[in-house]
């Protein structure tokens, strides 16, 4: 099932909601970009977690570093749908 989103458009002075779809290829491309970004982001979050633990004078247990890294990652990586919505919005604007 491909990703879609509805956008408001004005037609004859009325707002009409039109649904815009990504093709399977576009969706896979966005998913790949999101995955690459998530991997980069996870690495960055683990490094940030290491710095936080060091600056807080805590013991640098690997599990603690990973836990903090995962917490940071979960917050930042929730953008998978965001990437798809952006792509659909871009596509919707281009079709005007």
C-alpha atoms as a PDB file:
ATOM      1  CA  UNK A   1       0.000   0.000   0.000  1.00  0.00           C
ATOM      2  CA  UNK A   2       1.484   3.345  -1.021  1.00  0.00           C
ATOM      3  CA  UNK A   3       1.627   6.438   1.159  1.00  0.00           C
ATOM      4  CA  UNK A   4      -0.901   9.206   0.588  1.00  0.00           C
ATOM      5  CA  UNK A   5      -2.001  12.464   2.148  1.00  0.00           C
ATOM      6  CA  UNK A   6      -4.879  14.846   1.525  1.00  0.00           C
ATOM      7  CA  UNK A   7      -4.311  18.545   0.896  1.00  0.00           C
ATOM      8  CA  UNK A   8      -6.831  21.374   0.645  1.00  0.00           C
ATOM      9  CA  UNK A   9      -7.192  23.046  -2.732  1.00  0.00           C
ATOM     10  CA  UNK A  10      -9.491  25.867  -3.748  1.00  0.00           C
ATOM     11  CA  UNK A  11     -11.763  25.056  -6.680  1.00  0.00           C
ATOM     12  CA  UNK A  12     -14.573  27.372  -7.675  1.00  0.00           C
ATOM     13  CA  UNK A  13     -14.267  29.266  -4.378  1.00  0.00           C
ATOM     14  CA  UNK A  14     -14.654  26.084  -2.357  1.00  0.00           C
ATOM     15  CA  UNK A  15     -12.099  24.070  -0.484  1.00  0.00           C
ATOM     16  CA  UNK A  16     -11.729  20.593  -1.894  1.00  0.00           C
ATOM     17  CA  UNK A  17      -9.493  17.980  -0.333  1.00  0.00           C
ATOM     18  CA  UNK A  18      -7.394  16.163  -2.921  1.00  0.00           C
ATOM     19  CA  UNK A  19      -5.402  13.086  -2.073  1.00  0.00           C
ATOM     20  CA  UNK A  20      -1.847  12.861  -3.386  1.00  0.00           C
ATOM     21  CA  UNK A  21      -0.083   9.503  -3.579  1.00  0.00           C
ATOM     22  CA  UNK A  22       3.547   8.499  -3.695  1.00  0.00           C
ATOM     23  CA  UNK A  23       4.476   5.845  -6.191  1.00  0.00           C
ATOM     24  CA  UNK A  24       6.044   2.687  -4.767  1.00  0.00           C
ATOM     25  CA  UNK A  25       9.391   3.890  -6.130  1.00  0.00           C
ATOM     26  CA  UNK A  26       9.040   7.320  -4.485  1.00  0.00           C
ATOM     27  CA  UNK A  27       8.037   5.725  -1.192  1.00  0.00           C
ATOM     28  CA  UNK A  28      11.018   3.331  -1.270  1.00  0.00           C
ATOM     29  CA  UNK A  29      13.341   6.244  -2.084  1.00  0.00           C
ATOM     30  CA  UNK A  30      12.027   8.256   0.879  1.00  0.00           C
ATOM     31  CA  UNK A  31      12.270   5.216   3.176  1.00  0.00           C
ATOM     32  CA  UNK A  32      15.899   4.666   2.115  1.00  0.00           C
ATOM     33  CA  UNK A  33      16.758   8.323   2.789  1.00  0.00           C
ATOM     34  CA  UNK A  34      14.999   8.128   6.162  1.00  0.00           C
ATOM     35  CA  UNK A  35      16.884   4.918   7.040  1.00  0.00           C
ATOM     36  CA  UNK A  36      20.234   6.466   6.127  1.00  0.00           C
ATOM     37  CA  UNK A  37      19.365   9.554   8.167  1.00  0.00           C
ATOM     38  CA  UNK A  38      18.245   7.404  11.114  1.00  0.00           C
ATOM     39  CA  UNK A  39      21.543   5.482  11.111  1.00  0.00           C
ATOM     40  CA  UNK A  40      23.512   8.722  11.040  1.00  0.00           C
ATOM     41  CA  UNK A  41      21.261  10.125  13.746  1.00  0.00           C
ATOM     42  CA  UNK A  42      21.620   7.054  15.987  1.00  0.00           C
ATOM     43  CA  UNK A  43      25.413   7.299  15.805  1.00  0.00           C
ATOM     44  CA  UNK A  44      25.193  10.985  16.662  1.00  0.00           C
ATOM     45  CA  UNK A  45      22.817  10.260  19.569  1.00  0.00           C
ATOM     46  CA  UNK A  46      25.191   7.646  21.009  1.00  0.00           C
ATOM     47  CA  UNK A  47      28.046  10.173  20.851  1.00  0.00           C
ATOM     48  CA  UNK A  48      25.815  12.791  22.500  1.00  0.00           C
ATOM     49  CA  UNK A  49      24.872  10.270  25.193  1.00  0.00           C
ATOM     50  CA  UNK A  50      28.566   9.579  25.874  1.00  0.00           C
ATOM     51  CA  UNK A  51      29.192  13.321  26.266  1.00  0.00           C
ATOM     52  CA  UNK A  52      26.182  13.754  28.568  1.00  0.00           C
ATOM     53  CA  UNK A  53      27.308  10.881  30.794  1.00  0.00           C
ATOM     54  CA  UNK A  54      30.909  12.158  30.901  1.00  0.00           C
ATOM     55  CA  UNK A  55      29.843  15.752  31.625  1.00  0.00           C
ATOM     56  CA  UNK A  56      27.534  14.517  34.388  1.00  0.00           C
ATOM     57  CA  UNK A  57      30.398  12.575  35.972  1.00  0.00           C
ATOM     58  CA  UNK A  58      28.474   9.337  35.690  1.00  0.00           C
ATOM     59  CA  UNK A  59      30.061   5.934  35.191  1.00  0.00           C
ATOM     60  CA  UNK A  60      30.276   5.229  31.452  1.00  0.00           C
ATOM     61  CA  UNK A  61      28.435   1.914  31.450  1.00  0.00           C
ATOM     62  CA  UNK A  62      27.720   0.797  27.904  1.00  0.00           C
ATOM     63  CA  UNK A  63      24.087  -0.026  28.677  1.00  0.00           C
ATOM     64  CA  UNK A  64      23.520   3.469  30.097  1.00  0.00           C
ATOM     65  CA  UNK A  65      25.088   5.079  27.053  1.00  0.00           C
ATOM     66  CA  UNK A  66      22.924   2.976  24.747  1.00  0.00           C
ATOM     67  CA  UNK A  67      19.797   3.723  26.801  1.00  0.00           C
ATOM     68  CA  UNK A  68      20.385   7.470  26.668  1.00  0.00           C
ATOM     69  CA  UNK A  69      21.280   7.197  22.977  1.00  0.00           C
ATOM     70  CA  UNK A  70      18.067   5.314  22.252  1.00  0.00           C
ATOM     71  CA  UNK A  71      16.002   7.904  24.117  1.00  0.00           C
ATOM     72  CA  UNK A  72      17.551  10.695  22.069  1.00  0.00           C
ATOM     73  CA  UNK A  73      17.149   8.651  18.886  1.00  0.00           C
ATOM     74  CA  UNK A  74      13.475   7.838  19.468  1.00  0.00           C
ATOM     75  CA  UNK A  75      12.675  11.501  19.806  1.00  0.00           C
ATOM     76  CA  UNK A  76      14.587  12.503  16.705  1.00  0.00           C
ATOM     77  CA  UNK A  77      13.854   9.530  14.458  1.00  0.00           C
ATOM     78  CA  UNK A  78      10.091   9.794  14.625  1.00  0.00           C
ATOM     79  CA  UNK A  79      10.375  11.693  11.387  1.00  0.00           C
ATOM     80  CA  UNK A  80       9.855   8.746   9.025  1.00  0.00           C
ATOM     81  CA  UNK A  81       6.277   9.826   8.342  1.00  0.00           C
ATOM     82  CA  UNK A  82       7.489  13.432   8.231  1.00  0.00           C
ATOM     83  CA  UNK A  83       9.775  12.585   5.292  1.00  0.00           C
ATOM     84  CA  UNK A  84       6.910  10.908   3.431  1.00  0.00           C
ATOM     85  CA  UNK A  85       4.528  13.775   4.149  1.00  0.00           C
ATOM     86  CA  UNK A  86       7.101  16.250   2.858  1.00  0.00           C
ATOM     87  CA  UNK A  87       7.535  14.256  -0.339  1.00  0.00           C
ATOM     88  CA  UNK A  88       3.769  14.077  -0.887  1.00  0.00           C
ATOM     89  CA  UNK A  89       3.416  17.803  -0.149  1.00  0.00           C
ATOM     90  CA  UNK A  90       6.181  18.561  -2.630  1.00  0.00           C
ATOM     91  CA  UNK A  91       4.434  16.410  -5.207  1.00  0.00           C
ATOM     92  CA  UNK A  92       1.087  18.089  -4.508  1.00  0.00           C
ATOM     93  CA  UNK A  93       2.574  21.556  -4.969  1.00  0.00           C
ATOM     94  CA  UNK A  94       4.202  20.515  -8.243  1.00  0.00           C
ATOM     95  CA  UNK A  95       0.879  19.296  -9.597  1.00  0.00           C
ATOM     96  CA  UNK A  96      -0.763  22.726  -9.260  1.00  0.00           C
END
